[in-house]
Amino acid sequence: MLAALGVILIGISKGFSPTEWAIVLLCIGAVMMAEALNSALEVLMDKLHPEQDAMIGKAKDMAAAGVLIVSLISLIVFFIVVAPYLVK
């Protein structure tokens, strides 16, 4: 959340174009959605199967990997869209 707030503040101060805003906000939303889904899956799996289980562990790992993938893509977008404003 802190990173998202930072990027939003940069966008306000540097004057992102509407397209840049759309891209940045989509990335922020995608990361937040992935985090929410990951958390929901973990809570559900812990409730349905509280004891240790290898398959549940794999499912949790895959959900966490989804968050990582979206986060890495968003980091790439940061370097493409936001970083040039910081260099100017």
Protein backbone atom coordinates (compact mmCIF):
# COMPACT_ATOMS: atom_id res chain seq x y z
CA MET A 1 0.00 0.00 0.00
CA LEU A 2 2.85 2.35 0.77
CA ALA A 3 4.41 1.78 -2.66
CA ALA A 4 1.05 2.40 -4.34
CA LEU A 5 0.62 5.63 -2.41
CA GLY A 6 4.13 6.69 -3.39
CA VAL A 7 3.48 6.08 -7.08
CA ILE A 8 0.17 7.94 -6.89
CA LEU A 9 1.89 10.91 -5.26
CA ILE A 10 4.58 10.86 -7.96
CA GLY A 11 1.86 10.78 -10.61
CA ILE A 12 0.07 13.75 -9.09
CA SER A 13 3.24 15.80 -8.71
CA LYS A 14 4.72 14.93 -12.13
CA GLY A 15 1.48 15.02 -14.14
CA PHE A 16 0.97 11.52 -15.54
CA SER A 17 -0.97 11.32 -18.80
CA PRO A 18 -4.39 9.62 -18.76
CA THR A 19 -2.83 6.52 -20.35
CA GLU A 20 -0.08 6.40 -17.74
CA TRP A 21 -2.67 6.75 -14.98
CA ALA A 22 -4.68 3.89 -16.46
CA ILE A 23 -1.64 1.61 -16.63
CA VAL A 24 -0.44 2.47 -13.12
CA LEU A 25 -3.90 2.10 -11.56
CA LEU A 26 -4.46 -1.21 -13.32
CA CYS A 27 -1.18 -2.49 -11.88
CA ILE A 28 -2.04 -1.29 -8.38
CA GLY A 29 -5.47 -2.89 -8.64
CA ALA A 30 -4.05 -6.15 -9.99
CA VAL A 31 -1.56 -6.46 -7.12
CA MET A 32 -4.24 -5.66 -4.54
CA MET A 33 -6.63 -8.16 -6.13
CA ALA A 34 -3.95 -10.89 -6.21
CA GLU A 35 -3.14 -10.25 -2.54
CA ALA A 36 -6.82 -10.41 -1.59
CA LEU A 37 -7.38 -13.65 -3.50
CA ASN A 38 -4.24 -15.18 -2.01
CA SER A 39 -5.38 -14.25 1.50
CA ALA A 40 -8.88 -15.57 0.88
CA LEU A 41 -7.55 -18.88 -0.42
CA GLU A 42 -5.23 -19.27 2.55
CA VAL A 43 -8.00 -18.57 5.07
CA LEU A 44 -10.38 -20.96 3.29
CA MET A 45 -7.80 -23.74 3.06
CA ASP A 46 -6.82 -23.33 6.72
CA LYS A 47 -10.48 -23.52 7.75
CA LEU A 48 -11.30 -26.57 5.60
CA HIS A 49 -8.07 -28.45 6.29
CA PRO A 50 -6.36 -27.11 9.44
CA GLU A 51 -3.73 -29.87 9.66
CA GLN A 52 -0.63 -29.95 7.46
CA ASP A 53 -1.21 -31.27 3.94
CA ALA A 54 1.24 -31.33 1.02
CA MET A 55 -1.38 -30.50 -1.61
CA ILE A 56 -2.76 -27.60 0.42
CA GLY A 57 0.81 -26.34 0.78
CA LYS A 58 1.32 -26.52 -2.99
CA ALA A 59 -1.93 -24.64 -3.61
CA LYS A 60 -0.86 -21.90 -1.18
CA ASP A 61 2.55 -21.70 -2.86
CA MET A 62 0.93 -21.35 -6.28
CA ALA A 63 -1.37 -18.58 -5.04
CA ALA A 64 1.65 -16.78 -3.57
CA ALA A 65 3.47 -17.23 -6.89
CA GLY A 66 0.57 -15.47 -8.61
CA VAL A 67 1.06 -12.48 -6.31
CA LEU A 68 4.79 -12.52 -7.05
CA ILE A 69 4.23 -12.59 -10.82
CA VAL A 70 1.80 -9.66 -10.75
CA SER A 71 4.16 -7.75 -8.45
CA LEU A 72 7.14 -8.31 -10.75
CA ILE A 73 5.15 -7.21 -13.80
CA SER A 74 4.10 -4.09 -11.87
CA LEU A 75 7.74 -3.41 -11.02
CA ILE A 76 8.60 -3.57 -14.72
CA VAL A 77 5.76 -1.14 -15.44
CA PHE A 78 7.17 1.15 -12.73
CA PHE A 79 10.52 1.26 -14.52
CA ILE A 80 8.87 1.91 -17.89
CA VAL A 81 6.24 4.47 -16.83
CA VAL A 82 7.28 6.06 -13.54
CA ALA A 83 11.09 5.94 -13.39
CA PRO A 84 11.59 8.30 -16.37
CA TYR A 85 9.74 10.99 -14.41
CA LEU A 86 12.19 10.56 -11.54
CA VAL A 87 15.23 11.01 -13.81
CA LYS A 88 14.01 14.29 -15.34
